Amino acid sequence: MSRDSFRTSIFNIIEYINKTELSASGKKLVLHYFNQSKMPTSYRKAIEAIERYLSDSLPVGSTRSPQLQKLIEEMALEAEKWDSE
């Protein structure tokens, strides 16, 4: 598992929601939020970082579009791989 694929999965969620590509400084800020998080798992750290960056909660359950659900599932898989290393 590469760190890049996990980071990319986080950025993909933000870019999908914002409908715009993250700048280099935006990516650094998201990673800063991730690294600051006190959550117990990488998945939860990533969700917290995404929500801090967006200043909003991610949609839940049936309010998520199928594409957003897919991106979140991909990120969850990458986070699980990250935590198992």
Protein backbone atom coordinates (compact mmCIF):
# COMPACT_ATOMS: atom_id res chain seq x y z
CA MET A 1 0.00 0.00 0.00
CA SER A 2 1.37 3.35 -0.85
CA ARG A 3 0.86 6.53 1.08
CA ASP A 4 0.15 8.24 -2.20
CA SER A 5 -2.89 6.09 -2.95
CA PHE A 6 -4.37 6.77 0.49
CA ARG A 7 -3.75 10.50 0.21
CA THR A 8 -5.17 10.53 -3.29
CA SER A 9 -8.32 8.78 -2.08
CA ILE A 10 -8.82 11.56 0.50
CA PHE A 11 -8.21 14.30 -2.06
CA ASN A 12 -10.61 12.63 -4.53
CA ILE A 13 -13.47 12.92 -2.05
CA ILE A 14 -12.84 16.62 -1.48
CA GLU A 15 -12.43 17.31 -5.19
CA TYR A 16 -15.64 15.45 -5.97
CA ILE A 17 -17.62 17.42 -3.41
CA ASN A 18 -16.06 20.78 -4.32
CA LYS A 19 -16.10 20.00 -8.04
CA THR A 20 -12.63 21.46 -8.37
CA GLU A 21 -9.06 20.26 -8.12
CA LEU A 22 -7.25 20.85 -4.84
CA SER A 23 -4.31 23.22 -4.96
CA ALA A 24 -0.94 22.20 -3.54
CA SER A 25 -1.60 24.36 -0.47
CA GLY A 26 -5.07 22.81 -0.10
CA LYS A 27 -3.53 19.33 -0.12
CA LYS A 28 -0.99 20.40 2.51
CA LEU A 29 -3.79 21.74 4.69
CA VAL A 30 -5.78 18.49 4.42
CA LEU A 31 -2.67 16.48 5.35
CA HIS A 32 -2.06 18.82 8.27
CA TYR A 33 -5.61 18.21 9.50
CA PHE A 34 -5.09 14.46 9.08
CA ASN A 35 -1.82 14.49 11.02
CA GLN A 36 -3.33 16.64 13.81
CA SER A 37 -6.29 14.33 14.30
CA LYS A 38 -6.51 12.34 17.53
CA MET A 39 -8.98 9.84 16.04
CA PRO A 40 -8.08 6.15 16.59
CA THR A 41 -8.03 4.97 12.95
CA SER A 42 -6.78 6.34 9.66
CA TYR A 43 -10.32 6.19 8.27
CA ARG A 44 -11.67 8.36 11.08
CA LYS A 45 -8.68 10.71 10.79
CA ALA A 46 -9.37 11.07 7.07
CA ILE A 47 -13.08 11.78 7.63
CA GLU A 48 -12.20 14.39 10.25
CA ALA A 49 -9.64 16.02 7.91
CA ILE A 50 -12.13 16.08 5.03
CA GLU A 51 -14.86 17.59 7.17
CA ARG A 52 -12.51 20.20 8.65
CA TYR A 53 -11.39 21.18 5.18
CA LEU A 54 -14.95 21.35 3.86
CA SER A 55 -16.25 23.05 7.03
CA ASP A 56 -19.19 20.67 6.75
CA SER A 57 -20.11 17.08 7.51
CA LEU A 58 -20.07 14.50 4.77
CA PRO A 59 -23.49 13.38 3.60
CA VAL A 60 -24.65 10.17 5.27
CA GLY A 61 -26.49 7.07 4.11
CA SER A 62 -28.91 7.51 1.24
CA THR A 63 -28.07 11.21 0.87
CA ARG A 64 -24.70 10.24 -0.64
CA SER A 65 -24.52 9.97 -4.39
CA PRO A 66 -23.37 6.59 -5.70
CA GLN A 67 -20.10 8.16 -6.87
CA LEU A 68 -19.40 9.71 -3.46
CA GLN A 69 -20.22 6.39 -1.77
CA LYS A 70 -17.74 4.65 -4.07
CA LEU A 71 -15.01 7.20 -3.29
CA ILE A 72 -15.60 6.83 0.46
CA GLU A 73 -15.49 3.03 0.19
CA GLU A 74 -12.20 3.25 -1.74
CA MET A 75 -10.77 5.56 0.93
CA ALA A 76 -11.95 3.19 3.68
CA LEU A 77 -10.16 0.29 1.97
CA GLU A 78 -6.96 2.32 1.64
CA ALA A 79 -7.23 3.36 5.31
CA GLU A 80 -7.65 -0.26 6.37
CA LYS A 81 -4.52 -1.23 4.42
CA TRP A 82 -2.68 1.72 5.97
CA ASP A 83 -3.65 0.70 9.51
CA SER A 84 -2.67 -2.94 8.96
CA GLU A 85 0.90 -2.10 7.96
